[in-house]
Each structure stands twice: as structure tokens, then as C-alpha cells.
Amino acid sequence: MVQMNDIHPLTAFLRDHKAHIERLSETGRPEVLTINGRARVVVQDAEAYQRMLDVIDSVQAERILKERIASLDRGEPGVPAAEALADVRKALGVKRSRKR
């Protein structure tokens, strides 16, 4: 959640970018940058952004698996586990390794 003290004019960010980047790194919270008083850009530390992407990936995988389980609970024909995992891989953009 964006806090009020995480909203700054773009000009303030440009004037003192080092302090803003340090705060982004320390807190992991994003900053909303405004232009003419309107929110225009969100800036975030790279590590915090990657953590957010990882959470999104986990939620997507869980959603796919829950949908498959719910279809079984409704008595619909199932699919092989390999197909369900292939759906998860596809949604996450993960290529299958060639090792067996």
C-alpha cells in the first residue's frame, strides 16, 4: 500500500534522487511520482519488484491448480497431472528442462 509520505513530485525526485533511491532500497516500498499534482509514475527498488513478481507467479500457479481441483470436485473429467503442470509452466513462462 502506498503511504502518503511515499508520494512526491517528480521534480523533488530529480533534485534529490540519491536520497529517494536509498529510501526505496531501505523500505522496499514504492514511491508515486506526481506531475502537476497527478500521480504519473511508480518507482520501486529492483529487489522489491522481483519479490512482487514472485508472489504474483505463486498466486497464478495456485489459481490454476485450484481451478483444476474445483473442476474435479464438480465431477468434470480430469486432465493428467503433466498437463496441469504444463499449464502452470505456460502461465509462469517457465520452460521445461530436458533432464529426466
C-alpha atoms as a PDB file:
ATOM      1  CA  MET A   1       0.000   0.000   0.000  1.00  0.00           C
ATOM      2  CA  VAL A   2       1.269   3.446  -0.872  1.00  0.00           C
ATOM      3  CA  GLN A   3       1.581   5.738   2.122  1.00  0.00           C
ATOM      4  CA  MET A   4       1.099   9.495   1.941  1.00  0.00           C
ATOM      5  CA  ASN A   5       4.791  10.098   2.640  1.00  0.00           C
ATOM      6  CA  ASP A   6       5.619   7.923  -0.398  1.00  0.00           C
ATOM      7  CA  ILE A   7       4.070  10.426  -2.829  1.00  0.00           C
ATOM      8  CA  HIS A   8       6.458  13.024  -4.225  1.00  0.00           C
ATOM      9  CA  PRO A   9       6.648  15.459  -7.121  1.00  0.00           C
ATOM     10  CA  LEU A  10       8.852  14.268  -9.966  1.00  0.00           C
ATOM     11  CA  THR A  11      10.935  17.451  -9.589  1.00  0.00           C
ATOM     12  CA  ALA A  12      11.756  16.532  -5.965  1.00  0.00           C
ATOM     13  CA  PHE A  13      12.825  13.068  -7.091  1.00  0.00           C
ATOM     14  CA  LEU A  14      15.054  14.528  -9.801  1.00  0.00           C
ATOM     15  CA  ARG A  15      16.582  17.072  -7.386  1.00  0.00           C
ATOM     16  CA  ASP A  16      17.476  14.505  -4.719  1.00  0.00           C
ATOM     17  CA  HIS A  17      17.339  11.151  -6.487  1.00  0.00           C
ATOM     18  CA  LYS A  18      20.056   9.601  -4.312  1.00  0.00           C
ATOM     19  CA  ALA A  19      18.005  10.054  -1.135  1.00  0.00           C
ATOM     20  CA  HIS A  20      14.885   8.687  -2.835  1.00  0.00           C
ATOM     21  CA  ILE A  21      16.720   5.634  -4.164  1.00  0.00           C
ATOM     22  CA  GLU A  22      18.224   4.988  -0.726  1.00  0.00           C
ATOM     23  CA  ARG A  23      14.748   5.150   0.848  1.00  0.00           C
ATOM     24  CA  LEU A  24      13.349   2.830  -1.820  1.00  0.00           C
ATOM     25  CA  SER A  25      16.092   0.328  -1.068  1.00  0.00           C
ATOM     26  CA  GLU A  26      15.729   0.562   2.706  1.00  0.00           C
ATOM     27  CA  THR A  27      11.936   0.323   2.915  1.00  0.00           C
ATOM     28  CA  GLY A  28      11.095  -1.769  -0.152  1.00  0.00           C
ATOM     29  CA  ARG A  29       8.009   0.412  -0.608  1.00  0.00           C
ATOM     30  CA  PRO A  30       7.337   2.056  -3.963  1.00  0.00           C
ATOM     31  CA  GLU A  31       7.141   5.802  -4.496  1.00  0.00           C
ATOM     32  CA  VAL A  32       4.448   7.525  -6.501  1.00  0.00           C
ATOM     33  CA  LEU A  33       5.802  10.444  -8.502  1.00  0.00           C
ATOM     34  CA  THR A  34       3.447  13.229  -9.478  1.00  0.00           C
ATOM     35  CA  ILE A  35       3.446  15.711 -12.318  1.00  0.00           C
ATOM     36  CA  ASN A  36       1.269  18.789 -11.841  1.00  0.00           C
ATOM     37  CA  GLY A  37      -0.228  17.156  -8.746  1.00  0.00           C
ATOM     38  CA  ARG A  38      -1.373  13.985 -10.530  1.00  0.00           C
ATOM     39  CA  ALA A  39       0.100  10.522  -9.991  1.00  0.00           C
ATOM     40  CA  ARG A  40       2.016   9.603 -13.138  1.00  0.00           C
ATOM     41  CA  VAL A  41       4.839   7.180 -12.311  1.00  0.00           C
ATOM     42  CA  VAL A  42       5.601   4.499  -9.734  1.00  0.00           C
ATOM     43  CA  VAL A  43       9.251   3.857  -8.846  1.00  0.00           C
ATOM     44  CA  GLN A  44      10.320   0.762  -6.948  1.00  0.00           C
ATOM     45  CA  ASP A  45      13.517  -0.928  -5.782  1.00  0.00           C
ATOM     46  CA  ALA A  46      14.503  -3.812  -8.098  1.00  0.00           C
ATOM     47  CA  GLU A  47      14.616  -6.424  -5.306  1.00  0.00           C
ATOM     48  CA  ALA A  48      11.183  -5.405  -4.008  1.00  0.00           C
ATOM     49  CA  TYR A  49       9.847  -5.524  -7.561  1.00  0.00           C
ATOM     50  CA  GLN A  50      11.223  -9.049  -8.046  1.00  0.00           C
ATOM     51  CA  ARG A  51       9.630 -10.194  -4.775  1.00  0.00           C
ATOM     52  CA  MET A  52       6.311  -8.807  -6.011  1.00  0.00           C
ATOM     53  CA  LEU A  53       6.680 -10.702  -9.307  1.00  0.00           C
ATOM     54  CA  ASP A  54       7.463 -13.901  -7.392  1.00  0.00           C
ATOM     55  CA  VAL A  55       4.283 -13.504  -5.341  1.00  0.00           C
ATOM     56  CA  ILE A  56       2.245 -12.923  -8.495  1.00  0.00           C
ATOM     57  CA  ASP A  57       3.723 -16.069 -10.047  1.00  0.00           C
ATOM     58  CA  SER A  58       2.809 -18.098  -6.956  1.00  0.00           C
ATOM     59  CA  VAL A  59      -0.744 -16.753  -6.958  1.00  0.00           C
ATOM     60  CA  GLN A  60      -1.159 -17.596 -10.649  1.00  0.00           C
ATOM     61  CA  ALA A  61       0.089 -21.152 -10.134  1.00  0.00           C
ATOM     62  CA  GLU A  62      -2.212 -21.603  -7.146  1.00  0.00           C
ATOM     63  CA  ARG A  63      -5.184 -20.263  -9.135  1.00  0.00           C
ATOM     64  CA  ILE A  64      -4.587 -22.733 -11.971  1.00  0.00           C
ATOM     65  CA  LEU A  65      -4.307 -25.674  -9.591  1.00  0.00           C
ATOM     66  CA  LYS A  66      -7.408 -24.605  -7.633  1.00  0.00           C
ATOM     67  CA  GLU A  67      -9.374 -24.340 -10.882  1.00  0.00           C
ATOM     68  CA  ARG A  68      -8.291 -27.876 -11.839  1.00  0.00           C
ATOM     69  CA  ILE A  69      -9.262 -29.249  -8.416  1.00  0.00           C
ATOM     70  CA  ALA A  70     -12.607 -27.418  -8.490  1.00  0.00           C
ATOM     71  CA  SER A  71     -13.412 -28.948 -11.882  1.00  0.00           C
ATOM     72  CA  LEU A  72     -12.732 -32.408 -10.430  1.00  0.00           C
ATOM     73  CA  ASP A  73     -14.968 -31.616  -7.452  1.00  0.00           C
ATOM     74  CA  ARG A  74     -17.749 -30.724  -9.912  1.00  0.00           C
ATOM     75  CA  GLY A  75     -17.360 -34.150 -11.466  1.00  0.00           C
ATOM     76  CA  GLU A  76     -15.819 -32.891 -14.677  1.00  0.00           C
ATOM     77  CA  PRO A  77     -13.288 -35.144 -16.362  1.00  0.00           C
ATOM     78  CA  GLY A  78      -9.791 -34.543 -15.101  1.00  0.00           C
ATOM     79  CA  VAL A  79      -6.597 -33.991 -17.015  1.00  0.00           C
ATOM     80  CA  PRO A  80      -3.286 -35.721 -16.487  1.00  0.00           C
ATOM     81  CA  ALA A  81      -1.071 -34.068 -13.872  1.00  0.00           C
ATOM     82  CA  ALA A  82       1.550 -33.437 -16.558  1.00  0.00           C
ATOM     83  CA  GLU A  83      -0.983 -31.337 -18.477  1.00  0.00           C
ATOM     84  CA  ALA A  84      -1.944 -29.345 -15.369  1.00  0.00           C
ATOM     85  CA  LEU A  85       1.742 -28.684 -14.645  1.00  0.00           C
ATOM     86  CA  ALA A  86       2.272 -27.707 -18.276  1.00  0.00           C
ATOM     87  CA  ASP A  87      -0.495 -25.101 -17.825  1.00  0.00           C
ATOM     88  CA  VAL A  88       1.289 -23.742 -14.750  1.00  0.00           C
ATOM     89  CA  ARG A  89       4.618 -23.639 -16.603  1.00  0.00           C
ATOM     90  CA  LYS A  90       2.998 -21.822 -19.518  1.00  0.00           C
ATOM     91  CA  ALA A  91       1.319 -19.254 -17.246  1.00  0.00           C
ATOM     92  CA  LEU A  92       4.610 -18.596 -15.465  1.00  0.00           C
ATOM     93  CA  GLY A  93       6.709 -18.587 -18.617  1.00  0.00           C
ATOM     94  CA  VAL A  94       8.852 -21.476 -17.347  1.00  0.00           C
ATOM     95  CA  LYS A  95      10.354 -23.779 -19.955  1.00  0.00           C
ATOM     96  CA  ARG A  96      10.598 -27.464 -19.209  1.00  0.00           C
ATOM     97  CA  SER A  97      14.116 -28.690 -18.567  1.00  0.00           C
ATOM     98  CA  ARG A  98      15.386 -31.547 -20.739  1.00  0.00           C
ATOM     99  CA  LYS A  99      16.725 -33.537 -17.738  1.00  0.00           C
ATOM    100  CA  ARG A 100      14.908 -36.712 -16.792  1.00  0.00           C
END
